[in-house]
C-alpha atoms as a PDB file:
ATOM      1  CA  MET A   1     -18.029  25.730  13.033  1.00  0.00           C
ATOM      2  CA  ALA A   2     -19.756  22.639  14.424  1.00  0.00           C
ATOM      3  CA  VAL A   3     -18.782  19.283  12.977  1.00  0.00           C
ATOM      4  CA  GLN A   4     -21.689  17.599  11.198  1.00  0.00           C
ATOM      5  CA  ALA A   5     -21.938  14.006  12.434  1.00  0.00           C
ATOM      6  CA  ALA A   6     -24.935  11.893  13.349  1.00  0.00           C
ATOM      7  CA  PRO A   7     -25.325  10.904  17.013  1.00  0.00           C
ATOM      8  CA  PHE A   8     -23.979   7.437  17.769  1.00  0.00           C
ATOM      9  CA  PHE A   9     -23.885   4.873  20.545  1.00  0.00           C
ATOM     10  CA  TYR A  10     -21.936   1.616  20.663  1.00  0.00           C
ATOM     11  CA  THR A  11     -21.273  -0.905  23.400  1.00  0.00           C
ATOM     12  CA  PHE A  12     -18.637  -3.586  22.873  1.00  0.00           C
ATOM     13  CA  TYR A  13     -19.038  -6.353  25.465  1.00  0.00           C
ATOM     14  CA  ASP A  14     -16.532  -8.891  26.727  1.00  0.00           C
ATOM     15  CA  PRO A  15     -18.666 -10.537  29.434  1.00  0.00           C
ATOM     16  CA  TYR A  16     -16.536 -13.428  30.666  1.00  0.00           C
ATOM     17  CA  GLY A  17     -15.291 -12.207  34.047  1.00  0.00           C
ATOM     18  CA  GLY A  18     -17.541  -9.477  35.389  1.00  0.00           C
ATOM     19  CA  PRO A  19     -16.646  -6.815  37.950  1.00  0.00           C
ATOM     20  CA  ASN A  20     -15.264  -9.069  40.710  1.00  0.00           C
ATOM     21  CA  PRO A  21     -14.218 -12.351  39.127  1.00  0.00           C
ATOM     22  CA  GLY A  22     -11.575 -13.523  41.590  1.00  0.00           C
ATOM     23  CA  ALA A  23      -8.382 -15.187  40.416  1.00  0.00           C
ATOM     24  CA  ALA A  24      -9.561 -17.633  37.729  1.00  0.00           C
ATOM     25  CA  GLY A  25      -7.229 -17.935  34.766  1.00  0.00           C
ATOM     26  CA  ASN A  26      -7.222 -18.684  31.058  1.00  0.00           C
ATOM     27  CA  ASN A  27     -10.362 -20.101  29.424  1.00  0.00           C
ATOM     28  CA  GLY A  28      -9.379 -18.884  25.976  1.00  0.00           C
ATOM     29  CA  ASP A  29     -10.419 -15.328  26.792  1.00  0.00           C
ATOM     30  CA  VAL A  30      -8.434 -13.897  29.711  1.00  0.00           C
ATOM     31  CA  ILE A  31      -4.878 -15.084  30.298  1.00  0.00           C
ATOM     32  CA  GLY A  32      -3.871 -14.750  33.929  1.00  0.00           C
ATOM     33  CA  ALA A  33      -5.790 -13.307  36.870  1.00  0.00           C
ATOM     34  CA  LEU A  34      -9.139 -11.829  35.924  1.00  0.00           C
ATOM     35  CA  ARG A  35      -8.932  -9.338  38.791  1.00  0.00           C
ATOM     36  CA  ARG A  36      -5.998  -7.767  36.948  1.00  0.00           C
ATOM     37  CA  PHE A  37      -6.866  -8.060  33.289  1.00  0.00           C
ATOM     38  CA  ASP A  38     -10.551  -8.704  32.572  1.00  0.00           C
ATOM     39  CA  ILE A  39     -12.467  -6.255  30.366  1.00  0.00           C
ATOM     40  CA  GLU A  40     -16.240  -6.025  30.789  1.00  0.00           C
ATOM     41  CA  LYS A  41     -17.200  -3.503  28.114  1.00  0.00           C
ATOM     42  CA  VAL A  42     -16.321  -0.373  26.169  1.00  0.00           C
ATOM     43  CA  ALA A  43     -19.144   2.131  25.564  1.00  0.00           C
ATOM     44  CA  ILE A  44     -18.832   4.926  22.982  1.00  0.00           C
ATOM     45  CA  THR A  45     -21.287   7.800  22.561  1.00  0.00           C
ATOM     46  CA  GLY A  46     -21.071  11.010  20.615  1.00  0.00           C
ATOM     47  CA  ASP A  47     -22.758  13.899  18.887  1.00  0.00           C
ATOM     48  CA  GLY A  48     -21.018  16.359  16.589  1.00  0.00           C
ATOM     49  CA  GLY A  49     -17.396  16.704  17.611  1.00  0.00           C
ATOM     50  CA  GLN A  50     -17.972  15.513  21.183  1.00  0.00           C
ATOM     51  CA  VAL A  51     -17.123  11.873  21.920  1.00  0.00           C
ATOM     52  CA  HIS A  52     -17.368  10.079  25.258  1.00  0.00           C
ATOM     53  CA  ILE A  53     -15.769   6.673  25.861  1.00  0.00           C
ATOM     54  CA  ALA A  54     -16.219   4.608  29.026  1.00  0.00           C
ATOM     55  CA  VAL A  55     -14.108   1.520  29.691  1.00  0.00           C
ATOM     56  CA  PHE A  56     -15.094  -0.959  32.416  1.00  0.00           C
ATOM     57  CA  MET A  57     -12.288  -3.343  33.325  1.00  0.00           C
ATOM     58  CA  ASN A  58     -10.269  -4.930  36.105  1.00  0.00           C
ATOM     59  CA  TYR A  59      -6.812  -3.444  36.299  1.00  0.00           C
ATOM     60  CA  GLY A  60      -4.014  -3.336  38.840  1.00  0.00           C
ATOM     61  CA  GLN A  61      -1.560  -5.227  40.940  1.00  0.00           C
ATOM     62  CA  GLU A  62      -4.418  -6.714  42.956  1.00  0.00           C
ATOM     63  CA  GLY A  63      -7.259  -5.145  40.992  1.00  0.00           C
ATOM     64  CA  GLY A  64      -8.947  -1.784  41.261  1.00  0.00           C
ATOM     65  CA  ASP A  65      -5.909   0.417  40.567  1.00  0.00           C
ATOM     66  CA  THR A  66      -7.380   3.718  39.405  1.00  0.00           C
ATOM     67  CA  SER A  67      -3.905   5.202  38.976  1.00  0.00           C
ATOM     68  CA  LEU A  68      -3.218   2.945  35.957  1.00  0.00           C
ATOM     69  CA  GLY A  69       0.267   2.855  37.390  1.00  0.00           C
ATOM     70  CA  GLY A  70       1.397  -0.455  35.926  1.00  0.00           C
ATOM     71  CA  ILE A  71       1.225  -4.121  36.890  1.00  0.00           C
ATOM     72  CA  ASN A  72       4.275  -6.080  38.022  1.00  0.00           C
ATOM     73  CA  VAL A  73       3.499  -9.767  37.502  1.00  0.00           C
ATOM     74  CA  GLY A  74       7.077 -11.040  37.880  1.00  0.00           C
ATOM     75  CA  TYR A  75       8.195 -14.123  35.895  1.00  0.00           C
ATOM     76  CA  GLY A  76      10.645 -12.023  33.878  1.00  0.00           C
ATOM     77  CA  PHE A  77       7.951  -9.678  32.571  1.00  0.00           C
ATOM     78  CA  PRO A  78       8.460  -5.922  32.414  1.00  0.00           C
ATOM     79  CA  VAL A  79       5.810  -3.722  34.037  1.00  0.00           C
ATOM     80  CA  LEU A  80       2.533  -3.991  32.131  1.00  0.00           C
ATOM     81  CA  HIS A  81       0.667  -0.814  31.229  1.00  0.00           C
ATOM     82  CA  PRO A  82      -2.882  -0.310  29.935  1.00  0.00           C
ATOM     83  CA  GLY A  83      -3.463  -0.625  26.217  1.00  0.00           C
ATOM     84  CA  ASP A  84      -4.707   2.115  23.913  1.00  0.00           C
ATOM     85  CA  LEU A  85      -8.187   2.453  22.460  1.00  0.00           C
ATOM     86  CA  MET A  86      -7.440   1.763  18.781  1.00  0.00           C
ATOM     87  CA  PHE A  87      -9.703   2.533  15.823  1.00  0.00           C
ATOM     88  CA  THR A  88      -9.342   1.525  12.183  1.00  0.00           C
ATOM     89  CA  SER A  89     -11.437   2.659   9.217  1.00  0.00           C
ATOM     90  CA  GLY A  90     -10.173   1.788   5.766  1.00  0.00           C
ATOM     91  CA  ALA A  91      -6.533   2.849   5.612  1.00  0.00           C
ATOM     92  CA  SER A  92      -6.852   5.224   8.595  1.00  0.00           C
ATOM     93  CA  HIS A  93      -5.794   4.406  12.157  1.00  0.00           C
ATOM     94  CA  TRP A  94      -6.370   6.329  15.391  1.00  0.00           C
ATOM     95  CA  ALA A  95      -5.316   5.742  18.991  1.00  0.00           C
ATOM     96  CA  ILE A  96      -6.450   7.153  22.316  1.00  0.00           C
ATOM     97  CA  SER A  97      -3.867   6.348  24.955  1.00  0.00           C
ATOM     98  CA  LEU A  98      -4.790   5.848  28.616  1.00  0.00           C
ATOM     99  CA  ILE A  99      -1.288   6.804  29.773  1.00  0.00           C
ATOM    100  CA  ASP A 100       1.509   8.895  28.258  1.00  0.00           C
ATOM    101  CA  HIS A 101       3.850   6.804  26.121  1.00  0.00           C
ATOM    102  CA  GLY A 102       6.003   7.130  23.017  1.00  0.00           C
ATOM    103  CA  GLY A 103       4.836  10.641  22.106  1.00  0.00           C
ATOM    104  CA  LEU A 104       1.137   9.936  22.765  1.00  0.00           C
ATOM    105  CA  THR A 105      -0.481  11.785  25.679  1.00  0.00           C
ATOM    106  CA  ALA A 106      -3.274  10.295  27.730  1.00  0.00           C
ATOM    107  CA  GLY A 107      -6.868  11.027  26.745  1.00  0.00           C
ATOM    108  CA  ASN A 108      -6.065  12.657  23.412  1.00  0.00           C
ATOM    109  CA  LEU A 109      -6.845  11.392  19.911  1.00  0.00           C
ATOM    110  CA  PHE A 110      -3.934  10.690  17.572  1.00  0.00           C
ATOM    111  CA  GLU A 111      -3.950   9.650  13.950  1.00  0.00           C
ATOM    112  CA  VAL A 112      -1.214   7.016  13.747  1.00  0.00           C
ATOM    113  CA  THR A 113       0.509   5.076  11.000  1.00  0.00           C
ATOM    114  CA  GLY A 114      -0.190   1.742  12.689  1.00  0.00           C
ATOM    115  CA  PHE A 115      -0.246  -0.192  15.943  1.00  0.00           C
ATOM    116  CA  LEU A 116       2.433  -1.842  18.058  1.00  0.00           C
ATOM    117  CA  LYS A 117       2.086  -5.487  19.039  1.00  0.00           C
ATOM    118  CA  ALA A 118       2.623  -6.848  22.510  1.00  0.00           C
ATOM    119  CA  TYR A 119       5.992  -8.422  21.669  1.00  0.00           C
ATOM    120  CA  GLU A 120       7.236  -5.091  20.287  1.00  0.00           C
ATOM    121  CA  VAL A 121       6.248  -3.198  23.429  1.00  0.00           C
ATOM    122  CA  LEU A 122       7.460  -5.846  25.893  1.00  0.00           C
ATOM    123  CA  GLY A 123      10.525  -7.115  24.060  1.00  0.00           C
ATOM    124  CA  ASN A 124       9.643 -10.825  23.870  1.00  0.00           C
ATOM    125  CA  PRO A 125       9.618 -11.727  27.588  1.00  0.00           C
ATOM    126  CA  PRO A 126       9.129 -15.358  28.621  1.00  0.00           C
ATOM    127  CA  GLY A 127       5.663 -16.406  29.717  1.00  0.00           C
ATOM    128  CA  ASN A 128       2.068 -16.797  28.630  1.00  0.00           C
ATOM    129  CA  PHE A 129       0.621 -13.800  26.798  1.00  0.00           C
ATOM    130  CA  ARG A 130      -0.621 -12.780  23.338  1.00  0.00           C
ATOM    131  CA  PRO A 131       2.536 -11.566  21.572  1.00  0.00           C
ATOM    132  CA  ASN A 132       0.774 -10.650  18.317  1.00  0.00           C
ATOM    133  CA  ALA A 133      -2.050  -8.647  19.881  1.00  0.00           C
ATOM    134  CA  ASP A 134      -2.177  -4.976  18.880  1.00  0.00           C
ATOM    135  CA  VAL A 135      -1.844  -3.005  22.123  1.00  0.00           C
ATOM    136  CA  TRP A 136      -0.555   0.548  21.484  1.00  0.00           C
ATOM    137  CA  GLY A 137      -0.657   3.158  18.785  1.00  0.00           C
ATOM    138  CA  ASP A 138       2.701   3.799  17.127  1.00  0.00           C
ATOM    139  CA  GLY A 139       3.876   7.230  18.238  1.00  0.00           C
ATOM    140  CA  ASN A 140       6.302   7.590  15.323  1.00  0.00           C
ATOM    141  CA  GLY A 141       4.750  10.090  12.923  1.00  0.00           C
ATOM    142  CA  ALA A 142       1.564  10.370  15.018  1.00  0.00           C
ATOM    143  CA  ASN A 143      -0.603  13.458  14.532  1.00  0.00           C
ATOM    144  CA  LYS A 144      -2.774  14.785  17.354  1.00  0.00           C
ATOM    145  CA  THR A 145      -6.312  15.336  16.041  1.00  0.00           C
ATOM    146  CA  GLY A 146      -8.400  15.673  19.193  1.00  0.00           C
ATOM    147  CA  ASP A 147      -8.172  17.010  22.733  1.00  0.00           C
ATOM    148  CA  GLY A 148      -9.384  14.880  25.610  1.00  0.00           C
ATOM    149  CA  ALA A 149      -9.589  14.566  29.356  1.00  0.00           C
ATOM    150  CA  LEU A 150      -9.279  11.223  31.144  1.00  0.00           C
ATOM    151  CA  THR A 151     -10.644  10.275  34.570  1.00  0.00           C
ATOM    152  CA  THR A 152     -10.728   7.000  36.499  1.00  0.00           C
ATOM    153  CA  ALA A 153     -12.913   5.725  39.328  1.00  0.00           C
ATOM    154  CA  ALA A 154     -13.371   2.493  41.270  1.00  0.00           C
ATOM    155  CA  THR A 155     -16.714   0.750  40.715  1.00  0.00           C
ATOM    156  CA  THR A 156     -17.281  -2.667  42.327  1.00  0.00           C
ATOM    157  CA  GLY A 157     -14.954  -5.468  43.349  1.00  0.00           C
ATOM    158  CA  SER A 158     -11.712  -5.133  41.431  1.00  0.00           C
ATOM    159  CA  GLN A 159     -13.281  -3.165  38.571  1.00  0.00           C
ATOM    160  CA  ILE A 160     -12.465   0.382  37.549  1.00  0.00           C
ATOM    161  CA  ARG A 161     -14.097   2.752  35.081  1.00  0.00           C
ATOM    162  CA  VAL A 162     -12.009   4.886  32.749  1.00  0.00           C
ATOM    163  CA  ASP A 163     -13.773   7.821  31.060  1.00  0.00           C
ATOM    164  CA  VAL A 164     -12.468   9.836  28.128  1.00  0.00           C
ATOM    165  CA  GLU A 165     -14.157  13.106  27.126  1.00  0.00           C
ATOM    166  CA  LEU A 166     -12.903  13.958  23.647  1.00  0.00           C
ATOM    167  CA  THR A 167     -13.369  16.971  21.375  1.00  0.00           C
ATOM    168  CA  THR A 168     -12.291  16.519  17.760  1.00  0.00           C
ATOM    169  CA  SER A 169     -12.865  18.010  14.317  1.00  0.00           C
ATOM    170  CA  ASN A 170     -11.314  15.019  12.529  1.00  0.00           C
ATOM    171  CA  ALA A 171     -13.950  14.476   9.846  1.00  0.00           C
ATOM    172  CA  ALA A 172     -12.786  10.975   8.894  1.00  0.00           C
ATOM    173  CA  PHE A 173     -12.870   9.771  12.508  1.00  0.00           C
ATOM    174  CA  LEU A 174     -16.312  11.245  13.175  1.00  0.00           C
ATOM    175  CA  HIS A 175     -17.666   9.871   9.893  1.00  0.00           C
ATOM    176  CA  ALA A 176     -16.410   6.401  10.809  1.00  0.00           C
ATOM    177  CA  LEU A 177     -18.127   6.566  14.198  1.00  0.00           C
ATOM    178  CA  SER A 178     -21.346   8.019  12.778  1.00  0.00           C
ATOM    179  CA  THR A 179     -21.674   5.366  10.083  1.00  0.00           C
ATOM    180  CA  GLY A 180     -20.322   2.383  12.015  1.00  0.00           C
ATOM    181  CA  ASP A 181     -17.563   1.937   9.436  1.00  0.00           C
ATOM    182  CA  PHE A 182     -14.778   1.193  11.922  1.00  0.00           C
ATOM    183  CA  GLU A 183     -13.159  -1.530  13.994  1.00  0.00           C
ATOM    184  CA  LEU A 184     -12.355  -1.069  17.676  1.00  0.00           C
ATOM    185  CA  MET A 185      -9.473  -2.846  19.383  1.00  0.00           C
ATOM    186  CA  PHE A 186      -8.575  -2.568  23.055  1.00  0.00           C
ATOM    187  CA  ALA A 187      -6.228  -4.591  25.249  1.00  0.00           C
ATOM    188  CA  ALA A 188      -6.503  -4.342  29.026  1.00  0.00           C
ATOM    189  CA  ALA A 189      -2.706  -4.351  29.276  1.00  0.00           C
ATOM    190  CA  THR A 190       0.319  -4.393  26.997  1.00  0.00           C
ATOM    191  CA  CYS A 191       0.545  -8.187  27.314  1.00  0.00           C
ATOM    192  CA  GLY A 192      -2.755  -8.554  25.447  1.00  0.00           C
ATOM    193  CA  ASN A 193      -4.027 -10.832  28.239  1.00  0.00           C
ATOM    194  CA  ASP A 194      -7.592  -9.717  27.564  1.00  0.00           C
ATOM    195  CA  ILE A 195      -8.724  -7.974  24.408  1.00  0.00           C
ATOM    196  CA  VAL A 196     -11.918  -6.561  22.963  1.00  0.00           C
ATOM    197  CA  THR A 197     -12.386  -6.232  19.216  1.00  0.00           C
ATOM    198  CA  GLY A 198     -15.495  -5.413  17.270  1.00  0.00           C
ATOM    199  CA  GLU A 199     -16.853  -3.711  14.185  1.00  0.00           C
ATOM    200  CA  GLY A 200     -19.041  -0.673  14.596  1.00  0.00           C
ATOM    201  CA  GLY A 201     -21.466  -1.935  11.971  1.00  0.00           C
ATOM    202  CA  SER A 202     -22.212  -5.030  14.084  1.00  0.00           C
ATOM    203  CA  GLU A 203     -23.177  -2.917  17.105  1.00  0.00           C
ATOM    204  CA  VAL A 204     -26.068  -0.459  17.548  1.00  0.00           C
ATOM    205  CA  PRO A 205     -25.270   2.973  16.086  1.00  0.00           C
ATOM    206  CA  GLU A 206     -27.450   6.091  16.228  1.00  0.00           C
ATOM    207  CA  PRO A 207     -29.766   5.581  19.218  1.00  0.00           C
ATOM    208  CA  MET A 208     -32.007   8.344  17.880  1.00  0.00           C
ATOM    209  CA  THR A 209     -33.251   5.783  15.348  1.00  0.00           C
ATOM    210  CA  SER A 210     -34.348   3.480  18.152  1.00  0.00           C
ATOM    211  CA  LEU A 211     -36.022   6.370  19.940  1.00  0.00           C
ATOM    212  CA  LEU A 212     -37.946   7.303  16.803  1.00  0.00           C
ATOM    213  CA  ILE A 213     -39.031   3.688  16.273  1.00  0.00           C
ATOM    214  CA  GLY A 214     -40.170   3.526  19.887  1.00  0.00           C
ATOM    215  CA  ALA A 215     -42.124   6.748  19.516  1.00  0.00           C
ATOM    216  CA  GLY A 216     -43.739   5.399  16.365  1.00  0.00           C
ATOM    217  CA  LEU A 217     -44.836   2.210  18.112  1.00  0.00           C
ATOM    218  CA  ALA A 218     -46.208   4.230  20.994  1.00  0.00           C
ATOM    219  CA  GLY A 219     -48.180   6.326  18.525  1.00  0.00           C
ATOM    220  CA  LEU A 220     -49.626   3.213  16.946  1.00  0.00           C
ATOM    221  CA  GLY A 221     -50.699   2.099  20.404  1.00  0.00           C
ATOM    222  CA  LEU A 222     -52.528   5.364  20.967  1.00  0.00           C
ATOM    223  CA  LEU A 223     -54.250   5.073  17.610  1.00  0.00           C
ATOM    224  CA  ARG A 224     -55.433   1.569  18.465  1.00  0.00           C
ATOM    225  CA  ARG A 225     -56.887   2.772  21.758  1.00  0.00           C
ATOM    226  CA  ARG A 226     -58.845   5.481  19.976  1.00  0.00           C
ATOM    227  CA  THR A 227     -60.448   3.092  17.433  1.00  0.00           C
END
C-alpha cells in the first residue's frame, strides 16, 4: 500500500565557502580548511514513501574524497568521519548515516533515541572544534525504518555530491517532511567543523503549490490578453 504523503522540496543552504574555497579558515562558520569541511547545501525531495537527499560539500584529506574514507588532520585528533543526516520532529529522532558506524548502516533510515555529540564520538581530543555539536545518531536501541542506497560523485573543485535514495513507510517521518514540522542537522565531519541546521517550516515545502500558483498567474495573463 502506498504511503500517503504530500510532495515536498527543501533546500538548506550554508553558502560561505562554495565548491572550491581554498584553505581559508574559521570566520565563525567553518573551523579549519574549507576544502575539507565546508557544506554548501542539503536538498531534500520526496513523494509518497520515496525520499531523495543530495548533499553538496567539501570533504577529504585534500578535498574531493568521494570514498568518505576519513580525514586525518593530525594535532592529536582521531580520524574524522562524515556526520549523519539527523532529523527531529517533536520527541522523535531519525538518522541517515553516510558511513557504517555503531550499528547504523550507510544510506538507511534509523529511528534513534538521540544524537551523539562531537566530544562523545572523538573522546575530547585537543584542538579547535565544536565539541557540543550533534554529529551522529546514537546506534544504541536504533530501529531501522527505511532502506536506502548511497552514491558519491566529484563535482567541481574540492566539492563532492552525496546522494541518498530512500524508501520508507515510517508515517511519522513522512508526515514531518510533508508538513515541514522537522529540524535538520548535518555536520560535515564528526568534529562539527561545519554544520547546517534548519527548520523545515522556514524552507519551501510542497513545490506543487508553487507550480499551481505559477499556472494561475499564467492563466491570468492569458485572460488579460483576451480582454
